[in-house]
């Protein structure tokens, strides 16, 4: 084995090339890339859900604002009528 390594050099020896190839496969970042992609999809889903919630809350606020304005008009009218009655 050492004679074989000496003749070919360690760089091109099959055991070194095989170990390096195995290291590349193990450490190629594929697992991390797949995990990052999955995490990205989860974040996209959360952002979409958050956008929908914000839009719904905006509609609720607008609806409540309309109801508040209508209630204020009724209250102002009742106050005005009350002031006329007491004079």
PDB file of N, CA and C in Angstrom:
ATOM      1  N   UNK A   1       0.826  -1.185   0.000  1.00  0.00           N
ATOM      2  CA  UNK A   1       0.000   0.000   0.000  1.00  0.00           C
ATOM      3  C   UNK A   1       0.868   1.245   0.000  1.00  0.00           C
ATOM      4  N   UNK A   2       1.868   1.309   0.852  1.00  0.00           N
ATOM      5  CA  UNK A   2       2.732   2.490   0.875  1.00  0.00           C
ATOM      6  C   UNK A   2       3.517   2.613  -0.415  1.00  0.00           C
ATOM      7  N   UNK A   3       3.884   1.472  -0.996  1.00  0.00           N
ATOM      8  CA  UNK A   3       4.598   1.523  -2.275  1.00  0.00           C
ATOM      9  C   UNK A   3       3.686   2.077  -3.350  1.00  0.00           C
ATOM     10  N   UNK A   4       2.417   1.683  -3.310  1.00  0.00           N
ATOM     11  CA  UNK A   4       1.438   2.178  -4.274  1.00  0.00           C
ATOM     12  C   UNK A   4       1.244   3.681  -4.112  1.00  0.00           C
ATOM     13  N   UNK A   5       1.174   4.123  -2.886  1.00  0.00           N
ATOM     14  CA  UNK A   5       1.005   5.558  -2.631  1.00  0.00           C
ATOM     15  C   UNK A   5       2.240   6.311  -3.108  1.00  0.00           C
ATOM     16  N   UNK A   6       3.405   5.746  -2.854  1.00  0.00           N
ATOM     17  CA  UNK A   6       4.645   6.407  -3.276  1.00  0.00           C
ATOM     18  C   UNK A   6       4.724   6.523  -4.792  1.00  0.00           C
ATOM     19  N   UNK A   7       4.289   5.500  -5.502  1.00  0.00           N
ATOM     20  CA  UNK A   7       4.363   5.527  -6.964  1.00  0.00           C
ATOM     21  C   UNK A   7       3.381   6.532  -7.555  1.00  0.00           C
ATOM     22  N   UNK A   8       2.135   6.489  -7.127  1.00  0.00           N
ATOM     23  CA  UNK A   8       1.103   7.364  -7.685  1.00  0.00           C
ATOM     24  C   UNK A   8       1.104   8.749  -7.050  1.00  0.00           C
ATOM     25  N   UNK A   9       1.616   8.849  -5.881  1.00  0.00           N
ATOM     26  CA  UNK A   9       1.487  10.089  -5.129  1.00  0.00           C
ATOM     27  C   UNK A   9       0.182  10.026  -4.360  1.00  0.00           C
ATOM     28  N   UNK A  10       0.125  10.663  -3.238  1.00  0.00           N
ATOM     29  CA  UNK A  10      -1.058  10.568  -2.379  1.00  0.00           C
ATOM     30  C   UNK A  10      -2.260  11.265  -2.998  1.00  0.00           C
ATOM     31  N   UNK A  11      -1.994  12.258  -3.799  1.00  0.00           N
ATOM     32  CA  UNK A  11      -3.071  13.043  -4.378  1.00  0.00           C
ATOM     33  C   UNK A  11      -4.006  12.203  -5.266  1.00  0.00           C
ATOM     34  N   UNK A  12      -3.456  11.296  -6.038  1.00  0.00           N
ATOM     35  CA  UNK A  12      -4.269  10.512  -6.967  1.00  0.00           C
ATOM     36  C   UNK A  12      -4.525   9.090  -6.494  1.00  0.00           C
ATOM     37  N   UNK A  13      -4.164   8.762  -5.279  1.00  0.00           N
ATOM     38  CA  UNK A  13      -4.368   7.406  -4.788  1.00  0.00           C
ATOM     39  C   UNK A  13      -5.865   7.163  -4.597  1.00  0.00           C
ATOM     40  N   UNK A  14      -6.376   5.993  -4.998  1.00  0.00           N
ATOM     41  CA  UNK A  14      -7.813   5.698  -4.922  1.00  0.00           C
ATOM     42  C   UNK A  14      -8.412   5.878  -3.521  1.00  0.00           C
ATOM     43  N   UNK A  15      -7.671   5.517  -2.485  1.00  0.00           N
ATOM     44  CA  UNK A  15      -8.246   5.653  -1.143  1.00  0.00           C
ATOM     45  C   UNK A  15      -8.414   7.126  -0.768  1.00  0.00           C
ATOM     46  N   UNK A  16      -7.502   7.970  -1.215  1.00  0.00           N
ATOM     47  CA  UNK A  16      -7.605   9.402  -0.928  1.00  0.00           C
ATOM     48  C   UNK A  16      -8.726  10.009  -1.770  1.00  0.00           C
ATOM     49  N   UNK A  17      -8.765   9.658  -3.049  1.00  0.00           N
ATOM     50  CA  UNK A  17      -9.803  10.175  -3.926  1.00  0.00           C
ATOM     51  C   UNK A  17     -11.173   9.716  -3.436  1.00  0.00           C
ATOM     52  N   UNK A  18     -11.284   8.445  -3.039  1.00  0.00           N
ATOM     53  CA  UNK A  18     -12.552   7.925  -2.534  1.00  0.00           C
ATOM     54  C   UNK A  18     -12.977   8.629  -1.256  1.00  0.00           C
ATOM     55  N   UNK A  19     -12.041   8.849  -0.354  1.00  0.00           N
ATOM     56  CA  UNK A  19     -12.368   9.528   0.904  1.00  0.00           C
ATOM     57  C   UNK A  19     -12.774  10.976   0.634  1.00  0.00           C
ATOM     58  N   UNK A  20     -12.083  11.617  -0.282  1.00  0.00           N
ATOM     59  CA  UNK A  20     -12.419  13.003  -0.624  1.00  0.00           C
ATOM     60  C   UNK A  20     -13.803  13.077  -1.265  1.00  0.00           C
ATOM     61  N   UNK A  21     -14.090  12.132  -2.153  1.00  0.00           N
ATOM     62  CA  UNK A  21     -15.412  12.094  -2.792  1.00  0.00           C
ATOM     63  C   UNK A  21     -16.504  11.885  -1.752  1.00  0.00           C
ATOM     64  N   UNK A  22     -16.248  10.991  -0.805  1.00  0.00           N
ATOM     65  CA  UNK A  22     -17.232  10.739   0.246  1.00  0.00           C
ATOM     66  C   UNK A  22     -17.397  11.996   1.108  1.00  0.00           C
ATOM     67  N   UNK A  23     -16.307  12.682   1.397  1.00  0.00           N
ATOM     68  CA  UNK A  23     -16.376  13.913   2.186  1.00  0.00           C
ATOM     69  C   UNK A  23     -17.204  14.967   1.443  1.00  0.00           C
ATOM     70  N   UNK A  24     -16.989  15.073   0.128  1.00  0.00           N
ATOM     71  CA  UNK A  24     -17.752  16.043  -0.660  1.00  0.00           C
ATOM     72  C   UNK A  24     -19.254  15.758  -0.609  1.00  0.00           C
ATOM     73  N   UNK A  25     -19.598  14.492  -0.751  1.00  0.00           N
ATOM     74  CA  UNK A  25     -21.011  14.115  -0.721  1.00  0.00           C
ATOM     75  C   UNK A  25     -21.606  14.424   0.652  1.00  0.00           C
ATOM     76  N   UNK A  26     -20.857  14.122   1.694  1.00  0.00           N
ATOM     77  CA  UNK A  26     -21.340  14.345   3.055  1.00  0.00           C
ATOM     78  C   UNK A  26     -21.446  15.831   3.382  1.00  0.00           C
ATOM     79  N   UNK A  27     -20.540  16.630   2.854  1.00  0.00           N
ATOM     80  CA  UNK A  27     -20.454  18.043   3.225  1.00  0.00           C
ATOM     81  C   UNK A  27     -20.806  18.984   2.068  1.00  0.00           C
ATOM     82  N   UNK A  28     -21.676  18.557   1.190  1.00  0.00           N
ATOM     83  CA  UNK A  28     -21.997  19.370   0.024  1.00  0.00           C
ATOM     84  C   UNK A  28     -23.003  20.483   0.315  1.00  0.00           C
ATOM     85  N   UNK A  29     -23.579  20.499   1.487  1.00  0.00           N
ATOM     86  CA  UNK A  29     -24.526  21.552   1.841  1.00  0.00           C
ATOM     87  C   UNK A  29     -25.953  21.262   1.404  1.00  0.00           C
ATOM     88  N   UNK A  30     -26.195  20.104   0.824  1.00  0.00           N
ATOM     89  CA  UNK A  30     -27.537  19.772   0.345  1.00  0.00           C
ATOM     90  C   UNK A  30     -28.546  19.746   1.495  1.00  0.00           C
ATOM     91  N   UNK A  31     -28.157  19.122   2.615  1.00  0.00           N
ATOM     92  CA  UNK A  31     -29.074  19.059   3.757  1.00  0.00           C
ATOM     93  C   UNK A  31     -29.424  20.466   4.231  1.00  0.00           C
ATOM     94  N   UNK A  32     -28.405  21.315   4.314  1.00  0.00           N
ATOM     95  CA  UNK A  32     -28.631  22.688   4.763  1.00  0.00           C
ATOM     96  C   UNK A  32     -29.488  23.456   3.759  1.00  0.00           C
ATOM     97  N   UNK A  33     -29.249  23.209   2.472  1.00  0.00           N
ATOM     98  CA  UNK A  33     -30.033  23.889   1.434  1.00  0.00           C
ATOM     99  C   UNK A  33     -31.489  23.448   1.478  1.00  0.00           C
ATOM    100  N   UNK A  34     -31.732  22.172   1.666  1.00  0.00           N
ATOM    101  CA  UNK A  34     -33.107  21.659   1.763  1.00  0.00           C
ATOM    102  C   UNK A  34     -33.783  22.244   2.997  1.00  0.00           C
ATOM    103  N   UNK A  35     -33.057  22.290   4.115  1.00  0.00           N
ATOM    104  CA  UNK A  35     -33.621  22.860   5.341  1.00  0.00           C
ATOM    105  C   UNK A  35     -33.924  24.346   5.155  1.00  0.00           C
ATOM    106  N   UNK A  36     -33.018  25.069   4.503  1.00  0.00           N
ATOM    107  CA  UNK A  36     -33.238  26.495   4.247  1.00  0.00           C
ATOM    108  C   UNK A  36     -34.457  26.701   3.346  1.00  0.00           C
ATOM    109  N   UNK A  37     -34.602  25.858   2.335  1.00  0.00           N
ATOM    110  CA  UNK A  37     -35.763  25.955   1.447  1.00  0.00           C
ATOM    111  C   UNK A  37     -37.056  25.698   2.222  1.00  0.00           C
ATOM    112  N   UNK A  38     -37.058  24.678   3.074  1.00  0.00           N
ATOM    113  CA  UNK A  38     -38.249  24.366   3.870  1.00  0.00           C
ATOM    114  C   UNK A  38     -38.569  25.510   4.836  1.00  0.00           C
ATOM    115  N   UNK A  39     -37.537  26.061   5.459  1.00  0.00           N
ATOM    116  CA  UNK A  39     -37.745  27.191   6.362  1.00  0.00           C
ATOM    117  C   UNK A  39     -38.278  28.398   5.601  1.00  0.00           C
ATOM    118  N   UNK A  40     -37.769  28.603   4.405  1.00  0.00           N
ATOM    119  CA  UNK A  40     -38.230  29.717   3.573  1.00  0.00           C
ATOM    120  C   UNK A  40     -39.705  29.548   3.224  1.00  0.00           C
ATOM    121  N   UNK A  41     -40.110  28.347   2.917  1.00  0.00           N
ATOM    122  CA  UNK A  41     -41.523  28.086   2.605  1.00  0.00           C
ATOM    123  C   UNK A  41     -42.407  28.345   3.819  1.00  0.00           C
ATOM    124  N   UNK A  42     -41.919  27.963   5.006  1.00  0.00           N
ATOM    125  CA  UNK A  42     -42.688  28.217   6.224  1.00  0.00           C
ATOM    126  C   UNK A  42     -42.840  29.719   6.449  1.00  0.00           C
ATOM    127  N   UNK A  43     -41.764  30.463   6.234  1.00  0.00           N
ATOM    128  CA  UNK A  43     -41.804  31.915   6.417  1.00  0.00           C
ATOM    129  C   UNK A  43     -42.762  32.541   5.407  1.00  0.00           C
ATOM    130  N   UNK A  44     -42.713  32.090   4.160  1.00  0.00           N
ATOM    131  CA  UNK A  44     -43.625  32.608   3.140  1.00  0.00           C
ATOM    132  C   UNK A  44     -45.076  32.350   3.542  1.00  0.00           C
ATOM    133  N   UNK A  45     -45.340  31.181   4.078  1.00  0.00           N
ATOM    134  CA  UNK A  45     -46.688  30.840   4.522  1.00  0.00           C
ATOM    135  C   UNK A  45     -47.116  31.747   5.676  1.00  0.00           C
ATOM    136  N   UNK A  46     -46.216  31.978   6.616  1.00  0.00           N
ATOM    137  CA  UNK A  46     -46.531  32.858   7.745  1.00  0.00           C
ATOM    138  C   UNK A  46     -46.775  34.294   7.283  1.00  0.00           C
ATOM    139  N   UNK A  47     -45.978  34.760   6.325  1.00  0.00           N
ATOM    140  CA  UNK A  47     -46.149  36.120   5.806  1.00  0.00           C
ATOM    141  C   UNK A  47     -47.495  36.244   5.099  1.00  0.00           C
ATOM    142  N   UNK A  48     -47.855  35.256   4.317  1.00  0.00           N
ATOM    143  CA  UNK A  48     -49.151  35.267   3.632  1.00  0.00           C
ATOM    144  C   UNK A  48     -50.290  35.306   4.647  1.00  0.00           C
ATOM    145  N   UNK A  49     -50.165  34.498   5.680  1.00  0.00           N
ATOM    146  CA  UNK A  49     -51.183  34.481   6.734  1.00  0.00           C
ATOM    147  C   UNK A  49     -51.242  35.823   7.451  1.00  0.00           C
ATOM    148  N   UNK A  50     -50.092  36.404   7.723  1.00  0.00           N
ATOM    149  CA  UNK A  50     -50.045  37.698   8.400  1.00  0.00           C
ATOM    150  C   UNK A  50     -50.667  38.791   7.537  1.00  0.00           C
ATOM    151  N   UNK A  51     -50.389  38.756   6.236  1.00  0.00           N
ATOM    152  CA  UNK A  51     -50.987  39.749   5.329  1.00  0.00           C
ATOM    153  C   UNK A  51     -52.513  39.644   5.348  1.00  0.00           C
ATOM    154  N   UNK A  52     -53.018  38.417   5.326  1.00  0.00           N
ATOM    155  CA  UNK A  52     -54.471  38.212   5.357  1.00  0.00           C
ATOM    156  C   UNK A  52     -55.054  38.720   6.668  1.00  0.00           C
ATOM    157  N   UNK A  53     -54.368  38.461   7.768  1.00  0.00           N
ATOM    158  CA  UNK A  53     -54.842  38.924   9.072  1.00  0.00           C
ATOM    159  C   UNK A  53     -54.845  40.443   9.138  1.00  0.00           C
ATOM    160  N   UNK A  54     -53.800  41.071   8.643  1.00  0.00           N
ATOM    161  CA  UNK A  54     -53.719  42.532   8.653  1.00  0.00           C
ATOM    162  C   UNK A  54     -54.828  43.128   7.789  1.00  0.00           C
ATOM    163  N   UNK A  55     -55.067  42.552   6.622  1.00  0.00           N
ATOM    164  CA  UNK A  55     -56.139  43.045   5.751  1.00  0.00           C
ATOM    165  C   UNK A  55     -57.492  42.905   6.436  1.00  0.00           C
ATOM    166  N   UNK A  56     -57.726  41.773   7.085  1.00  0.00           N
ATOM    167  CA  UNK A  56     -58.990  41.551   7.786  1.00  0.00           C
ATOM    168  C   UNK A  56     -59.148  42.547   8.937  1.00  0.00           C
ATOM    169  N   UNK A  57     -58.099  42.781   9.672  1.00  0.00           N
ATOM    170  CA  UNK A  57     -58.160  43.748  10.779  1.00  0.00           C
ATOM    171  C   UNK A  57     -58.397  45.163  10.251  1.00  0.00           C
ATOM    172  N   UNK A  58     -57.829  45.483   9.088  1.00  0.00           N
ATOM    173  CA  UNK A  58     -58.080  46.786   8.466  1.00  0.00           C
ATOM    174  C   UNK A  58     -59.552  46.958   8.128  1.00  0.00           C
ATOM    175  N   UNK A  59     -60.159  45.905   7.590  1.00  0.00           N
ATOM    176  CA  UNK A  59     -61.597  45.950   7.290  1.00  0.00           C
ATOM    177  C   UNK A  59     -62.408  46.100   8.571  1.00  0.00           C
ATOM    178  N   UNK A  60     -62.012  45.389   9.625  1.00  0.00           N
ATOM    179  CA  UNK A  60     -62.721  45.490  10.909  1.00  0.00           C
ATOM    180  C   UNK A  60     -62.630  46.904  11.475  1.00  0.00           C
ATOM    181  N   UNK A  61     -61.465  47.516  11.372  1.00  0.00           N
ATOM    182  CA  UNK A  61     -61.278  48.880  11.869  1.00  0.00           C
ATOM    183  C   UNK A  61     -62.152  49.851  11.077  1.00  0.00           C
ATOM    184  N   UNK A  62     -62.176  49.696   9.760  1.00  0.00           N
ATOM    185  CA  UNK A  62     -63.000  50.571   8.925  1.00  0.00           C
ATOM    186  C   UNK A  62     -64.482  50.403   9.283  1.00  0.00           C
ATOM    187  N   UNK A  63     -64.907  49.170   9.501  1.00  0.00           N
ATOM    188  CA  UNK A  63     -66.297  48.903   9.881  1.00  0.00           C
ATOM    189  C   UNK A  63     -66.621  49.543  11.236  1.00  0.00           C
ATOM    190  N   UNK A  64     -65.723  49.379  12.190  1.00  0.00           N
ATOM    191  CA  UNK A  64     -65.937  49.977  13.509  1.00  0.00           C
ATOM    192  C   UNK A  64     -65.937  51.501  13.444  1.00  0.00           C
ATOM    193  N   UNK A  65     -65.108  52.060  12.591  1.00  0.00           N
ATOM    194  CA  UNK A  65     -65.073  53.520  12.433  1.00  0.00           C
ATOM    195  C   UNK A  65     -66.424  54.019  11.914  1.00  0.00           C
ATOM    196  N   UNK A  66     -66.981  53.321  10.948  1.00  0.00           N
ATOM    197  CA  UNK A  66     -68.302  53.681  10.418  1.00  0.00           C
ATOM    198  C   UNK A  66     -69.371  53.592  11.491  1.00  0.00           C
ATOM    199  N   UNK A  67     -69.339  52.523  12.280  1.00  0.00           N
ATOM    200  CA  UNK A  67     -70.317  52.361  13.354  1.00  0.00           C
ATOM    201  C   UNK A  67     -70.143  53.446  14.415  1.00  0.00           C
ATOM    202  N   UNK A  68     -68.902  53.798  14.714  1.00  0.00           N
ATOM    203  CA  UNK A  68     -68.639  54.844  15.696  1.00  0.00           C
ATOM    204  C   UNK A  68     -69.165  56.196  15.218  1.00  0.00           C
ATOM    205  N   UNK A  69     -68.966  56.491  13.948  1.00  0.00           N
ATOM    206  CA  UNK A  69     -69.473  57.752  13.395  1.00  0.00           C
ATOM    207  C   UNK A  69     -71.005  57.791  13.441  1.00  0.00           C
ATOM    208  N   UNK A  70     -71.640  56.670  13.118  1.00  0.00           N
ATOM    209  CA  UNK A  70     -73.104  56.603  13.165  1.00  0.00           C
ATOM    210  C   UNK A  70     -73.597  56.759  14.600  1.00  0.00           C
ATOM    211  N   UNK A  71     -72.923  56.127  15.542  1.00  0.00           N
ATOM    212  CA  UNK A  71     -73.293  56.243  16.952  1.00  0.00           C
ATOM    213  C   UNK A  71     -73.126  57.669  17.439  1.00  0.00           C
ATOM    214  N   UNK A  72     -72.045  58.332  17.015  1.00  0.00           N
ATOM    215  CA  UNK A  72     -71.813  59.723  17.411  1.00  0.00           C
ATOM    216  C   UNK A  72     -72.925  60.626  16.874  1.00  0.00           C
ATOM    217  N   UNK A  73     -73.353  60.393  15.637  1.00  0.00           N
ATOM    218  CA  UNK A  73     -74.443  61.200  15.066  1.00  0.00           C
ATOM    219  C   UNK A  73     -75.716  61.026  15.888  1.00  0.00           C
ATOM    220  N   UNK A  74     -76.042  59.785  16.252  1.00  0.00           N
ATOM    221  CA  UNK A  74     -77.236  59.524  17.052  1.00  0.00           C
ATOM    222  C   UNK A  74     -77.101  60.187  18.419  1.00  0.00           C
ATOM    223  N   UNK A  75     -75.936  60.093  19.025  1.00  0.00           N
ATOM    224  CA  UNK A  75     -75.720  60.703  20.338  1.00  0.00           C
ATOM    225  C   UNK A  75     -75.805  62.225  20.255  1.00  0.00           C
ATOM    226  N   UNK A  76     -75.217  62.822  19.220  1.00  0.00           N
ATOM    227  CA  UNK A  76     -75.297  64.276  19.048  1.00  0.00           C
ATOM    228  C   UNK A  76     -76.741  64.729  18.851  1.00  0.00           C
ATOM    229  N   UNK A  77     -77.489  63.953  18.070  1.00  0.00           N
ATOM    230  CA  UNK A  77     -78.891  64.293  17.832  1.00  0.00           C
ATOM    231  C   UNK A  77     -79.690  64.180  19.128  1.00  0.00           C
ATOM    232  N   UNK A  78     -79.442  63.117  19.903  1.00  0.00           N
ATOM    233  CA  UNK A  78     -80.150  62.946  21.166  1.00  0.00           C
ATOM    234  C   UNK A  78     -79.794  64.070  22.138  1.00  0.00           C
ATOM    235  N   UNK A  79     -78.545  64.489  22.169  1.00  0.00           N
ATOM    236  CA  UNK A  79     -78.120  65.584  23.043  1.00  0.00           C
ATOM    237  C   UNK A  79     -78.770  66.898  22.613  1.00  0.00           C
ATOM    238  N   UNK A  80     -78.819  67.087  21.303  1.00  0.00           N
ATOM    239  CA  UNK A  80     -79.437  68.307  20.791  1.00  0.00           C
ATOM    240  C   UNK A  80     -80.913  68.341  21.154  1.00  0.00           C
ATOM    241  N   UNK A  81     -81.615  67.214  20.964  1.00  0.00           N
ATOM    242  CA  UNK A  81     -83.024  67.118  21.324  1.00  0.00           C
ATOM    243  C   UNK A  81     -83.247  67.309  22.829  1.00  0.00           C
ATOM    244  N   UNK A  82     -82.335  66.798  23.611  1.00  0.00           N
ATOM    245  CA  UNK A  82     -82.429  66.937  25.055  1.00  0.00           C
ATOM    246  C   UNK A  82     -82.255  68.384  25.478  1.00  0.00           C
ATOM    247  N   UNK A  83     -81.341  69.092  24.824  1.00  0.00           N
ATOM    248  CA  UNK A  83     -81.122  70.511  25.148  1.00  0.00           C
ATOM    249  C   UNK A  83     -82.340  71.366  24.759  1.00  0.00           C
ATOM    250  N   UNK A  84     -82.973  71.028  23.646  1.00  0.00           N
ATOM    251  CA  UNK A  84     -84.163  71.768  23.213  1.00  0.00           C
ATOM    252  C   UNK A  84     -85.324  71.541  24.180  1.00  0.00           C
ATOM    253  N   UNK A  85     -85.435  70.314  24.657  1.00  0.00           N
ATOM    254  CA  UNK A  85     -86.538  69.971  25.558  1.00  0.00           C
ATOM    255  C   UNK A  85     -86.379  70.649  26.910  1.00  0.00           C
ATOM    256  N   UNK A  86     -85.175  70.822  27.378  1.00  0.00           N
ATOM    257  CA  UNK A  86     -84.969  71.404  28.704  1.00  0.00           C
ATOM    258  C   UNK A  86     -85.027  72.926  28.666  1.00  0.00           C
ATOM    259  N   UNK A  87     -84.953  73.549  27.524  1.00  0.00           N
ATOM    260  CA  UNK A  87     -85.023  75.023  27.418  1.00  0.00           C
ATOM    261  C   UNK A  87     -86.406  75.488  27.351  1.00  0.00           C
TER     262      UNK A  87
END
